[in-house]
Amino acid sequence: MCSKSRLIALTFPMQVLGVIMLIMDDCLDENRASRDYRVKFPDDVLQDNLPGQLWFGAECLAAGSTIMNRELESAAMRPLAKDLTKSLENMRAILRDQCLRNVNSYSGKIKESLCLFDRLFAEFEFSYVSAMVPVKTAKEYDMMQDVIVLFSETVQRYVTQIVYKIIG
């Protein structure tokens, strides 16, 4: 495959997901699935191409592939990956049909399909990333927040002491 074809093959899923995410932002607004779990991810995981990698991972798992050295996690995620890919194909068909009609309104069927896809994508994102990289536990996350608070309080005390020295 030539480099131009490879670039197109890599960017197409990102473009599709980008359009779907924009539609979800517009259509679902505050009814989007929570992504609060992302604070537990290592910083280098949240990249622009993560949704495309997740789509590829879901397609591979749904087709029966296994994540290297993660057989149990792969087996556990396979039903979710199948549901996600099925939801994505269903939603793409509904949106394709809709764009031939009225692109300025979203039917109940579209909203329902988008909600399902959003929820499944969020669940798969958390499961897949958790299987691939160490994700902070609730205790680790709480400890990190405690350190941040202590650091903030220390800086605040230091600034207060300096202000009193300058004023007083």
Protein backbone atom coordinates (compact mmCIF):
# COMPACT_ATOMS: atom_id res chain seq x y z
CA MET A 1 0.00 0.00 0.00
CA CYS A 2 1.45 3.38 -0.95
CA SER A 3 1.94 6.02 1.71
CA LYS A 4 -0.95 8.15 0.39
CA SER A 5 -3.34 5.18 0.62
CA ARG A 6 -2.05 4.40 4.11
CA LEU A 7 -2.66 7.99 5.19
CA ILE A 8 -6.21 7.88 3.85
CA ALA A 9 -6.83 4.51 5.55
CA LEU A 10 -5.62 5.95 8.86
CA THR A 11 -7.47 9.24 8.66
CA PHE A 12 -10.85 7.93 7.47
CA PRO A 13 -11.88 6.45 10.84
CA MET A 14 -10.80 9.66 12.57
CA GLN A 15 -12.87 11.74 10.15
CA VAL A 16 -15.93 9.53 10.59
CA LEU A 17 -15.62 9.56 14.37
CA GLY A 18 -14.95 13.30 14.34
CA VAL A 19 -18.17 13.93 12.44
CA ILE A 20 -20.10 11.58 14.74
CA MET A 21 -18.68 13.32 17.83
CA LEU A 22 -19.71 16.72 16.45
CA ILE A 23 -23.23 15.42 15.77
CA MET A 24 -23.38 13.98 19.30
CA ASP A 25 -22.25 17.31 20.76
CA ASP A 26 -24.97 19.07 18.80
CA CYS A 27 -27.72 16.51 19.25
CA LEU A 28 -27.15 15.03 22.69
CA ASP A 29 -25.60 18.04 24.42
CA GLU A 30 -25.62 17.26 28.16
CA ASN A 31 -26.91 13.70 27.67
CA ARG A 32 -23.47 12.45 26.60
CA ALA A 33 -21.99 9.47 28.43
CA SER A 34 -19.64 10.49 31.22
CA ARG A 35 -15.94 10.47 30.44
CA ASP A 36 -14.86 11.24 34.02
CA TYR A 37 -12.81 8.04 34.06
CA ARG A 38 -10.28 9.70 31.73
CA VAL A 39 -8.63 11.46 34.68
CA LYS A 40 -7.34 8.03 35.69
CA PHE A 41 -5.56 7.52 32.34
CA PRO A 42 -1.86 8.25 31.96
CA ASP A 43 -1.34 11.59 30.22
CA ASP A 44 0.17 10.06 27.09
CA VAL A 45 -2.95 7.97 26.37
CA LEU A 46 -5.28 10.86 25.59
CA GLN A 47 -4.19 11.68 22.07
CA ASP A 48 -6.09 12.98 19.08
CA ASN A 49 -5.96 9.59 17.39
CA LEU A 50 -7.28 7.60 20.39
CA PRO A 51 -10.83 7.25 18.98
CA GLY A 52 -9.44 5.79 15.74
CA GLN A 53 -7.29 3.35 17.69
CA LEU A 54 -10.31 2.33 19.74
CA TRP A 55 -12.40 1.78 16.62
CA PHE A 56 -9.62 -0.38 15.14
CA GLY A 57 -9.32 -2.29 18.42
CA ALA A 58 -13.07 -2.88 18.58
CA GLU A 59 -13.14 -4.12 14.97
CA CYS A 60 -10.26 -6.50 15.64
CA LEU A 61 -11.75 -7.85 18.87
CA ALA A 62 -15.19 -8.24 17.27
CA ALA A 63 -13.55 -10.23 14.44
CA GLY A 64 -12.00 -12.61 16.97
CA SER A 65 -8.50 -11.18 17.40
CA THR A 66 -6.86 -11.12 20.78
CA ILE A 67 -4.85 -8.35 22.40
CA MET A 68 -1.30 -9.69 22.76
CA ASN A 69 -0.75 -11.20 26.22
CA ARG A 70 -4.28 -10.13 27.25
CA GLU A 71 -6.38 -13.18 26.40
CA LEU A 72 -8.74 -12.92 29.37
CA GLU A 73 -9.32 -9.18 28.88
CA SER A 74 -9.89 -9.76 25.16
CA ALA A 75 -12.48 -12.42 25.81
CA ALA A 76 -14.21 -10.20 28.36
CA MET A 77 -14.28 -7.20 25.98
CA ARG A 78 -15.33 -9.12 22.85
CA PRO A 79 -19.12 -8.86 23.44
CA LEU A 80 -18.78 -5.12 24.09
CA ALA A 81 -16.63 -4.72 20.95
CA LYS A 82 -19.26 -6.56 18.90
CA ASP A 83 -22.03 -4.38 20.32
CA LEU A 84 -19.99 -1.24 19.62
CA THR A 85 -19.20 -2.14 16.00
CA LYS A 86 -22.80 -3.17 15.37
CA SER A 87 -24.01 0.11 16.90
CA LEU A 88 -21.56 2.09 14.79
CA GLU A 89 -22.67 0.41 11.56
CA ASN A 90 -26.34 0.90 12.47
CA MET A 91 -25.76 4.54 13.33
CA ARG A 92 -23.80 5.19 10.13
CA ALA A 93 -26.67 3.72 8.09
CA ILE A 94 -29.23 5.86 9.93
CA LEU A 95 -27.13 9.01 9.47
CA ARG A 96 -26.51 8.20 5.80
CA ASP A 97 -30.27 7.84 5.29
CA GLN A 98 -30.90 11.07 7.23
CA CYS A 99 -28.46 13.11 5.15
CA LEU A 100 -30.60 12.34 2.09
CA ARG A 101 -33.60 13.86 3.83
CA ASN A 102 -33.16 16.71 6.28
CA VAL A 103 -29.68 17.37 7.65
CA ASN A 104 -30.97 20.06 10.02
CA SER A 105 -33.04 17.85 12.30
CA TYR A 106 -32.41 14.71 14.32
CA SER A 107 -35.17 12.15 14.67
CA GLY A 108 -35.79 10.17 17.83
CA LYS A 109 -34.26 7.15 16.10
CA ILE A 110 -31.04 9.08 15.46
CA LYS A 111 -30.87 10.39 19.03
CA GLU A 112 -31.47 6.90 20.41
CA SER A 113 -28.77 5.45 18.14
CA LEU A 114 -26.31 8.20 19.09
CA CYS A 115 -26.96 7.69 22.81
CA LEU A 116 -26.36 3.95 22.50
CA PHE A 117 -23.17 4.45 20.48
CA ASP A 118 -21.90 7.09 22.91
CA ARG A 119 -22.50 4.85 25.93
CA LEU A 120 -20.91 1.80 24.26
CA PHE A 121 -17.93 3.83 23.03
CA ALA A 122 -17.30 5.21 26.53
CA GLU A 123 -17.53 1.73 28.08
CA PHE A 124 -15.21 0.28 25.45
CA GLU A 125 -12.73 3.15 25.81
CA PHE A 126 -12.44 2.56 29.54
CA SER A 127 -12.17 -1.24 29.18
CA TYR A 128 -9.69 -1.17 26.32
CA VAL A 129 -7.39 1.47 27.78
CA SER A 130 -7.51 -0.23 31.19
CA ALA A 131 -6.39 -3.48 29.55
CA MET A 132 -3.57 -1.80 27.62
CA VAL A 133 -1.98 0.52 30.19
CA PRO A 134 -1.91 0.79 33.95
CA VAL A 135 -4.83 2.97 34.98
CA LYS A 136 -4.76 4.74 38.32
CA THR A 137 -6.89 3.10 40.97
CA ALA A 138 -9.32 5.20 42.98
CA LYS A 139 -6.85 5.17 45.87
CA GLU A 140 -3.97 6.34 43.65
CA TYR A 141 -6.14 9.06 42.18
CA ASP A 142 -7.21 10.21 45.67
CA MET A 143 -3.57 10.27 46.81
CA MET A 144 -2.65 12.36 43.77
CA GLN A 145 -5.43 14.81 44.62
CA ASP A 146 -4.22 14.96 48.24
CA VAL A 147 -0.71 15.84 47.05
CA ILE A 148 -2.14 18.54 44.77
CA VAL A 149 -4.15 20.02 47.66
CA LEU A 150 -1.14 19.94 49.99
CA PHE A 151 1.01 21.60 47.34
CA SER A 152 -1.64 24.27 46.76
CA GLU A 153 -1.99 24.93 50.48
CA THR A 154 1.80 25.18 50.85
CA VAL A 155 2.06 27.65 47.98
CA GLN A 156 -0.86 29.64 49.41
CA ARG A 157 0.83 29.85 52.86
CA TYR A 158 4.12 30.91 51.29
CA VAL A 159 2.46 33.63 49.22
CA THR A 160 0.58 34.84 52.32
CA GLN A 161 3.85 35.00 54.31
CA ILE A 162 5.54 37.00 51.55
CA VAL A 163 2.61 39.41 51.34
CA TYR A 164 2.72 39.95 55.14
CA LYS A 165 6.48 40.59 54.97
CA ILE A 166 6.02 43.14 52.19
CA ILE A 167 3.07 44.87 53.87
CA GLY A 168 4.20 44.53 57.46
